[in-house]
């Protein structure tokens, strides 16, 4: 509420955030362990080994306002 009041005070019109699940990545460009970057489509799984380093250099999405990258690991 405070941020919205501040924005209103300065005439900033907020761009509404997408509803949950509506921001969908279409492709990502990633490099694993410093190798040549590859394109990964949204429907693809990316298999990594313990200790692999991944660098995301580009994300295409249906959302124009900005994206964040959240990483997580699962045990196989």
PDB file of N, CA and C in Angstrom:
ATOM      1  N   UNK A   1       0.822  -1.188   0.000  1.00  0.00           N
ATOM      2  CA  UNK A   1       0.000   0.000   0.000  1.00  0.00           C
ATOM      3  C   UNK A   1       0.866   1.253   0.000  1.00  0.00           C
ATOM      4  N   UNK A   2       1.964   1.212   0.745  1.00  0.00           N
ATOM      5  CA  UNK A   2       2.843   2.374   0.833  1.00  0.00           C
ATOM      6  C   UNK A   2       3.467   2.665  -0.532  1.00  0.00           C
ATOM      7  N   UNK A   3       3.927   1.619  -1.204  1.00  0.00           N
ATOM      8  CA  UNK A   3       4.541   1.809  -2.520  1.00  0.00           C
ATOM      9  C   UNK A   3       3.530   2.364  -3.508  1.00  0.00           C
ATOM     10  N   UNK A   4       2.305   1.847  -3.486  1.00  0.00           N
ATOM     11  CA  UNK A   4       1.262   2.350  -4.382  1.00  0.00           C
ATOM     12  C   UNK A   4       0.947   3.816  -4.092  1.00  0.00           C
ATOM     13  N   UNK A   5       0.915   4.213  -2.803  1.00  0.00           N
ATOM     14  CA  UNK A   5       0.647   5.603  -2.442  1.00  0.00           C
ATOM     15  C   UNK A   5       1.792   6.501  -2.921  1.00  0.00           C
ATOM     16  N   UNK A   6       3.027   6.045  -2.778  1.00  0.00           N
ATOM     17  CA  UNK A   6       4.194   6.792  -3.253  1.00  0.00           C
ATOM     18  C   UNK A   6       4.119   6.984  -4.761  1.00  0.00           C
ATOM     19  N   UNK A   7       3.817   5.907  -5.487  1.00  0.00           N
ATOM     20  CA  UNK A   7       3.717   5.987  -6.942  1.00  0.00           C
ATOM     21  C   UNK A   7       2.615   6.957  -7.355  1.00  0.00           C
ATOM     22  N   UNK A   8       1.489   6.922  -6.665  1.00  0.00           N
ATOM     23  CA  UNK A   8       0.382   7.822  -6.979  1.00  0.00           C
ATOM     24  C   UNK A   8       0.792   9.279  -6.747  1.00  0.00           C
ATOM     25  N   UNK A   9       1.539   9.528  -5.678  1.00  0.00           N
ATOM     26  CA  UNK A   9       1.994  10.880  -5.351  1.00  0.00           C
ATOM     27  C   UNK A   9       2.841  11.472  -6.478  1.00  0.00           C
ATOM     28  N   UNK A  10       3.622  10.636  -7.158  1.00  0.00           N
ATOM     29  CA  UNK A  10       4.502  11.101  -8.220  1.00  0.00           C
ATOM     30  C   UNK A  10       3.948  10.855  -9.616  1.00  0.00           C
ATOM     31  N   UNK A  11       2.684  10.470  -9.689  1.00  0.00           N
ATOM     32  CA  UNK A  11       2.040  10.302 -10.976  1.00  0.00           C
ATOM     33  C   UNK A  11       2.481   9.070 -11.750  1.00  0.00           C
ATOM     34  N   UNK A  12       3.024   8.092 -11.043  1.00  0.00           N
ATOM     35  CA  UNK A  12       3.458   6.857 -11.693  1.00  0.00           C
ATOM     36  C   UNK A  12       2.273   5.908 -11.769  1.00  0.00           C
ATOM     37  N   UNK A  13       1.967   5.478 -12.975  1.00  0.00           N
ATOM     38  CA  UNK A  13       0.859   4.548 -13.173  1.00  0.00           C
ATOM     39  C   UNK A  13       1.426   3.131 -13.213  1.00  0.00           C
ATOM     40  N   UNK A  14       1.083   2.298 -12.240  1.00  0.00           N
ATOM     41  CA  UNK A  14       1.647   0.946 -12.215  1.00  0.00           C
ATOM     42  C   UNK A  14       1.124   0.092 -13.362  1.00  0.00           C
ATOM     43  N   UNK A  15       1.996  -0.733 -13.874  1.00  0.00           N
ATOM     44  CA  UNK A  15       1.624  -1.709 -14.886  1.00  0.00           C
ATOM     45  C   UNK A  15       1.208  -2.968 -14.132  1.00  0.00           C
ATOM     46  N   UNK A  16      -0.017  -3.431 -14.281  1.00  0.00           N
ATOM     47  CA  UNK A  16      -0.454  -4.580 -13.486  1.00  0.00           C
ATOM     48  C   UNK A  16       0.405  -5.810 -13.764  1.00  0.00           C
ATOM     49  N   UNK A  17       0.707  -6.545 -12.704  1.00  0.00           N
ATOM     50  CA  UNK A  17       1.470  -7.782 -12.832  1.00  0.00           C
ATOM     51  C   UNK A  17       0.575  -8.854 -13.433  1.00  0.00           C
ATOM     52  N   UNK A  18       1.180  -9.808 -14.119  1.00  0.00           N
ATOM     53  CA  UNK A  18       0.361 -10.891 -14.666  1.00  0.00           C
ATOM     54  C   UNK A  18      -0.195 -11.742 -13.541  1.00  0.00           C
ATOM     55  N   UNK A  19      -1.314 -12.352 -13.792  1.00  0.00           N
ATOM     56  CA  UNK A  19      -1.848 -13.271 -12.808  1.00  0.00           C
ATOM     57  C   UNK A  19      -0.962 -14.490 -12.750  1.00  0.00           C
ATOM     58  N   UNK A  20      -0.980 -15.150 -11.624  1.00  0.00           N
ATOM     59  CA  UNK A  20      -0.131 -16.318 -11.427  1.00  0.00           C
ATOM     60  C   UNK A  20      -0.277 -17.296 -12.587  1.00  0.00           C
ATOM     61  N   UNK A  21       0.857 -17.717 -13.119  1.00  0.00           N
ATOM     62  CA  UNK A  21       0.850 -18.692 -14.199  1.00  0.00           C
ATOM     63  C   UNK A  21       0.750 -18.099 -15.581  1.00  0.00           C
ATOM     64  N   UNK A  22       0.574 -16.778 -15.715  1.00  0.00           N
ATOM     65  CA  UNK A  22       0.392 -16.218 -17.046  1.00  0.00           C
ATOM     66  C   UNK A  22       1.705 -15.800 -17.705  1.00  0.00           C
ATOM     67  N   UNK A  23       2.783 -15.612 -16.929  1.00  0.00           N
ATOM     68  CA  UNK A  23       4.080 -15.294 -17.519  1.00  0.00           C
ATOM     69  C   UNK A  23       4.776 -16.605 -17.847  1.00  0.00           C
ATOM     70  N   UNK A  24       4.878 -16.907 -19.125  1.00  0.00           N
ATOM     71  CA  UNK A  24       5.437 -18.188 -19.540  1.00  0.00           C
ATOM     72  C   UNK A  24       6.695 -17.974 -20.375  1.00  0.00           C
ATOM     73  N   UNK A  25       7.816 -18.542 -19.933  1.00  0.00           N
ATOM     74  CA  UNK A  25       8.996 -18.461 -20.787  1.00  0.00           C
ATOM     75  C   UNK A  25       8.787 -19.291 -22.039  1.00  0.00           C
ATOM     76  N   UNK A  26       9.250 -18.782 -23.162  1.00  0.00           N
ATOM     77  CA  UNK A  26       9.133 -19.515 -24.416  1.00  0.00           C
ATOM     78  C   UNK A  26      10.438 -20.230 -24.744  1.00  0.00           C
ATOM     79  N   UNK A  27      11.562 -19.502 -24.620  1.00  0.00           N
ATOM     80  CA  UNK A  27      12.882 -20.117 -24.777  1.00  0.00           C
ATOM     81  C   UNK A  27      13.841 -19.482 -23.791  1.00  0.00           C
ATOM     82  N   UNK A  28      14.881 -20.214 -23.470  1.00  0.00           N
ATOM     83  CA  UNK A  28      15.983 -19.697 -22.664  1.00  0.00           C
ATOM     84  C   UNK A  28      17.273 -20.069 -23.372  1.00  0.00           C
ATOM     85  N   UNK A  29      18.264 -19.217 -23.254  1.00  0.00           N
ATOM     86  CA  UNK A  29      19.586 -19.526 -23.789  1.00  0.00           C
ATOM     87  C   UNK A  29      20.491 -19.723 -22.582  1.00  0.00           C
ATOM     88  N   UNK A  30      21.087 -20.906 -22.477  1.00  0.00           N
ATOM     89  CA  UNK A  30      21.889 -21.250 -21.315  1.00  0.00           C
ATOM     90  C   UNK A  30      23.221 -21.862 -21.735  1.00  0.00           C
ATOM     91  N   UNK A  31      24.207 -21.668 -20.883  1.00  0.00           N
ATOM     92  CA  UNK A  31      25.504 -22.318 -21.065  1.00  0.00           C
ATOM     93  C   UNK A  31      25.759 -23.160 -19.819  1.00  0.00           C
ATOM     94  N   UNK A  32      26.197 -24.386 -20.010  1.00  0.00           N
ATOM     95  CA  UNK A  32      26.492 -25.283 -18.900  1.00  0.00           C
ATOM     96  C   UNK A  32      28.004 -25.449 -18.823  1.00  0.00           C
ATOM     97  N   UNK A  33      28.565 -25.142 -17.665  1.00  0.00           N
ATOM     98  CA  UNK A  33      30.001 -25.262 -17.415  1.00  0.00           C
ATOM     99  C   UNK A  33      30.833 -24.489 -18.432  1.00  0.00           C
ATOM    100  N   UNK A  34      30.340 -23.316 -18.847  1.00  0.00           N
ATOM    101  CA  UNK A  34      31.089 -22.450 -19.741  1.00  0.00           C
ATOM    102  C   UNK A  34      31.127 -22.896 -21.196  1.00  0.00           C
ATOM    103  N   UNK A  35      30.373 -23.923 -21.535  1.00  0.00           N
ATOM    104  CA  UNK A  35      30.350 -24.381 -22.932  1.00  0.00           C
ATOM    105  C   UNK A  35      29.530 -23.422 -23.789  1.00  0.00           C
ATOM    106  N   UNK A  36      29.469 -23.723 -25.077  1.00  0.00           N
ATOM    107  CA  UNK A  36      28.690 -22.929 -26.014  1.00  0.00           C
ATOM    108  C   UNK A  36      27.229 -22.886 -25.564  1.00  0.00           C
ATOM    109  N   UNK A  37      26.626 -21.696 -25.519  1.00  0.00           N
ATOM    110  CA  UNK A  37      25.220 -21.598 -25.109  1.00  0.00           C
ATOM    111  C   UNK A  37      24.298 -22.392 -26.035  1.00  0.00           C
ATOM    112  N   UNK A  38      23.238 -22.926 -25.452  1.00  0.00           N
ATOM    113  CA  UNK A  38      22.230 -23.680 -26.202  1.00  0.00           C
ATOM    114  C   UNK A  38      20.858 -23.078 -25.936  1.00  0.00           C
ATOM    115  N   UNK A  39      19.941 -23.297 -26.868  1.00  0.00           N
ATOM    116  CA  UNK A  39      18.558 -22.839 -26.717  1.00  0.00           C
ATOM    117  C   UNK A  39      17.755 -23.972 -26.089  1.00  0.00           C
ATOM    118  N   UNK A  40      17.023 -23.641 -25.022  1.00  0.00           N
ATOM    119  CA  UNK A  40      16.170 -24.611 -24.345  1.00  0.00           C
ATOM    120  C   UNK A  40      14.745 -24.099 -24.449  1.00  0.00           C
ATOM    121  N   UNK A  41      13.874 -24.894 -25.062  1.00  0.00           N
ATOM    122  CA  UNK A  41      12.467 -24.496 -25.197  1.00  0.00           C
ATOM    123  C   UNK A  41      11.715 -24.788 -23.906  1.00  0.00           C
ATOM    124  N   UNK A  42      10.577 -24.132 -23.736  1.00  0.00           N
ATOM    125  CA  UNK A  42       9.806 -24.242 -22.501  1.00  0.00           C
ATOM    126  C   UNK A  42       9.420 -25.679 -22.176  1.00  0.00           C
ATOM    127  N   UNK A  43       9.195 -26.494 -23.185  1.00  0.00           N
ATOM    128  CA  UNK A  43       8.750 -27.867 -22.942  1.00  0.00           C
ATOM    129  C   UNK A  43       9.916 -28.823 -22.683  1.00  0.00           C
ATOM    130  N   UNK A  44      11.147 -28.344 -22.828  1.00  0.00           N
ATOM    131  CA  UNK A  44      12.313 -29.205 -22.651  1.00  0.00           C
ATOM    132  C   UNK A  44      12.768 -29.246 -21.198  1.00  0.00           C
ATOM    133  N   UNK A  45      13.309 -30.388 -20.802  1.00  0.00           N
ATOM    134  CA  UNK A  45      13.949 -30.515 -19.497  1.00  0.00           C
ATOM    135  C   UNK A  45      15.452 -30.369 -19.708  1.00  0.00           C
ATOM    136  N   UNK A  46      16.106 -29.782 -18.756  1.00  0.00           N
ATOM    137  CA  UNK A  46      17.547 -29.598 -18.817  1.00  0.00           C
ATOM    138  C   UNK A  46      18.160 -30.437 -17.708  1.00  0.00           C
ATOM    139  N   UNK A  47      18.956 -31.429 -18.081  1.00  0.00           N
ATOM    140  CA  UNK A  47      19.550 -32.312 -17.087  1.00  0.00           C
ATOM    141  C   UNK A  47      20.943 -31.815 -16.720  1.00  0.00           C
ATOM    142  N   UNK A  48      21.163 -31.667 -15.431  1.00  0.00           N
ATOM    143  CA  UNK A  48      22.447 -31.215 -14.911  1.00  0.00           C
ATOM    144  C   UNK A  48      22.968 -32.240 -13.914  1.00  0.00           C
ATOM    145  N   UNK A  49      24.283 -32.261 -13.741  1.00  0.00           N
ATOM    146  CA  UNK A  49      24.904 -33.119 -12.727  1.00  0.00           C
ATOM    147  C   UNK A  49      25.256 -32.263 -11.522  1.00  0.00           C
ATOM    148  N   UNK A  50      25.437 -32.908 -10.388  1.00  0.00           N
ATOM    149  CA  UNK A  50      25.861 -32.187  -9.186  1.00  0.00           C
ATOM    150  C   UNK A  50      27.147 -31.440  -9.494  1.00  0.00           C
ATOM    151  N   UNK A  51      27.185 -30.176  -9.147  1.00  0.00           N
ATOM    152  CA  UNK A  51      28.370 -29.356  -9.372  1.00  0.00           C
ATOM    153  C   UNK A  51      28.381 -28.604 -10.687  1.00  0.00           C
ATOM    154  N   UNK A  52      27.452 -28.901 -11.605  1.00  0.00           N
ATOM    155  CA  UNK A  52      27.387 -28.166 -12.874  1.00  0.00           C
ATOM    156  C   UNK A  52      27.056 -26.708 -12.598  1.00  0.00           C
ATOM    157  N   UNK A  53      27.653 -25.835 -13.376  1.00  0.00           N
ATOM    158  CA  UNK A  53      27.358 -24.408 -13.292  1.00  0.00           C
ATOM    159  C   UNK A  53      26.551 -24.028 -14.530  1.00  0.00           C
ATOM    160  N   UNK A  54      25.466 -23.314 -14.326  1.00  0.00           N
ATOM    161  CA  UNK A  54      24.612 -22.906 -15.439  1.00  0.00           C
ATOM    162  C   UNK A  54      24.555 -21.389 -15.490  1.00  0.00           C
ATOM    163  N   UNK A  55      24.659 -20.855 -16.696  1.00  0.00           N
ATOM    164  CA  UNK A  55      24.567 -19.423 -16.914  1.00  0.00           C
ATOM    165  C   UNK A  55      23.423 -19.167 -17.895  1.00  0.00           C
ATOM    166  N   UNK A  56      22.439 -18.397 -17.459  1.00  0.00           N
ATOM    167  CA  UNK A  56      21.309 -18.053 -18.323  1.00  0.00           C
ATOM    168  C   UNK A  56      21.616 -16.689 -18.942  1.00  0.00           C
ATOM    169  N   UNK A  57      21.722 -16.654 -20.264  1.00  0.00           N
ATOM    170  CA  UNK A  57      22.092 -15.408 -20.929  1.00  0.00           C
ATOM    171  C   UNK A  57      20.913 -14.695 -21.577  1.00  0.00           C
ATOM    172  N   UNK A  58      19.797 -15.401 -21.771  1.00  0.00           N
ATOM    173  CA  UNK A  58      18.645 -14.774 -22.428  1.00  0.00           C
ATOM    174  C   UNK A  58      17.392 -15.581 -22.122  1.00  0.00           C
ATOM    175  N   UNK A  59      16.277 -14.879 -21.948  1.00  0.00           N
ATOM    176  CA  UNK A  59      14.972 -15.520 -21.763  1.00  0.00           C
ATOM    177  C   UNK A  59      13.970 -14.790 -22.646  1.00  0.00           C
ATOM    178  N   UNK A  60      13.243 -15.523 -23.482  1.00  0.00           N
ATOM    179  CA  UNK A  60      12.117 -14.982 -24.255  1.00  0.00           C
ATOM    180  C   UNK A  60      10.847 -15.403 -23.541  1.00  0.00           C
ATOM    181  N   UNK A  61       9.917 -14.469 -23.390  1.00  0.00           N
ATOM    182  CA  UNK A  61       8.696 -14.753 -22.655  1.00  0.00           C
ATOM    183  C   UNK A  61       7.529 -13.980 -23.250  1.00  0.00           C
ATOM    184  N   UNK A  62       6.338 -14.345 -22.816  1.00  0.00           N
ATOM    185  CA  UNK A  62       5.147 -13.613 -23.224  1.00  0.00           C
ATOM    186  C   UNK A  62       4.891 -12.416 -22.304  1.00  0.00           C
ATOM    187  N   UNK A  63       5.807 -12.138 -21.396  1.00  0.00           N
ATOM    188  CA  UNK A  63       5.651 -11.061 -20.430  1.00  0.00           C
ATOM    189  C   UNK A  63       6.676  -9.983 -20.739  1.00  0.00           C
ATOM    190  N   UNK A  64       6.257  -8.742 -20.933  1.00  0.00           N
ATOM    191  CA  UNK A  64       7.125  -7.666 -21.398  1.00  0.00           C
ATOM    192  C   UNK A  64       7.824  -6.899 -20.279  1.00  0.00           C
ATOM    193  N   UNK A  65       7.376  -7.007 -19.064  1.00  0.00           N
ATOM    194  CA  UNK A  65       7.817  -6.090 -18.026  1.00  0.00           C
ATOM    195  C   UNK A  65       9.125  -6.472 -17.348  1.00  0.00           C
ATOM    196  N   UNK A  66       9.551  -7.680 -17.422  1.00  0.00           N
ATOM    197  CA  UNK A  66      10.785  -8.104 -16.767  1.00  0.00           C
ATOM    198  C   UNK A  66      10.602  -9.462 -16.129  1.00  0.00           C
ATOM    199  N   UNK A  67      11.682 -10.185 -16.030  1.00  0.00           N
ATOM    200  CA  UNK A  67      11.625 -11.533 -15.495  1.00  0.00           C
ATOM    201  C   UNK A  67      12.704 -11.720 -14.451  1.00  0.00           C
ATOM    202  N   UNK A  68      12.496 -12.669 -13.579  1.00  0.00           N
ATOM    203  CA  UNK A  68      13.494 -13.049 -12.588  1.00  0.00           C
ATOM    204  C   UNK A  68      13.803 -14.519 -12.784  1.00  0.00           C
ATOM    205  N   UNK A  69      14.997 -14.885 -12.441  1.00  0.00           N
ATOM    206  CA  UNK A  69      15.393 -16.283 -12.522  1.00  0.00           C
ATOM    207  C   UNK A  69      15.472 -16.837 -11.122  1.00  0.00           C
ATOM    208  N   UNK A  70      14.761 -17.912 -10.888  1.00  0.00           N
ATOM    209  CA  UNK A  70      14.800 -18.613  -9.619  1.00  0.00           C
ATOM    210  C   UNK A  70      15.336 -20.002  -9.901  1.00  0.00           C
ATOM    211  N   UNK A  71      16.341 -20.394  -9.170  1.00  0.00           N
ATOM    212  CA  UNK A  71      16.918 -21.713  -9.412  1.00  0.00           C
ATOM    213  C   UNK A  71      16.609 -22.633  -8.244  1.00  0.00           C
ATOM    214  N   UNK A  72      16.538 -23.890  -8.544  1.00  0.00           N
ATOM    215  CA  UNK A  72      16.345 -24.892  -7.517  1.00  0.00           C
ATOM    216  C   UNK A  72      16.937 -26.201  -8.005  1.00  0.00           C
ATOM    217  N   UNK A  73      17.159 -27.100  -7.095  1.00  0.00           N
ATOM    218  CA  UNK A  73      17.728 -28.397  -7.454  1.00  0.00           C
ATOM    219  C   UNK A  73      16.836 -29.498  -6.920  1.00  0.00           C
ATOM    220  N   UNK A  74      16.735 -30.563  -7.675  1.00  0.00           N
ATOM    221  CA  UNK A  74      16.005 -31.737  -7.213  1.00  0.00           C
ATOM    222  C   UNK A  74      16.927 -32.929  -7.334  1.00  0.00           C
ATOM    223  N   UNK A  75      16.787 -33.852  -6.447  1.00  0.00           N
ATOM    224  CA  UNK A  75      17.601 -35.073  -6.504  1.00  0.00           C
ATOM    225  C   UNK A  75      16.970 -36.059  -7.442  1.00  0.00           C
ATOM    226  N   UNK A  76      17.801 -36.704  -8.228  1.00  0.00           N
ATOM    227  CA  UNK A  76      17.287 -37.695  -9.195  1.00  0.00           C
ATOM    228  C   UNK A  76      17.090 -39.033  -8.535  1.00  0.00           C
TER     229      UNK A  76
END
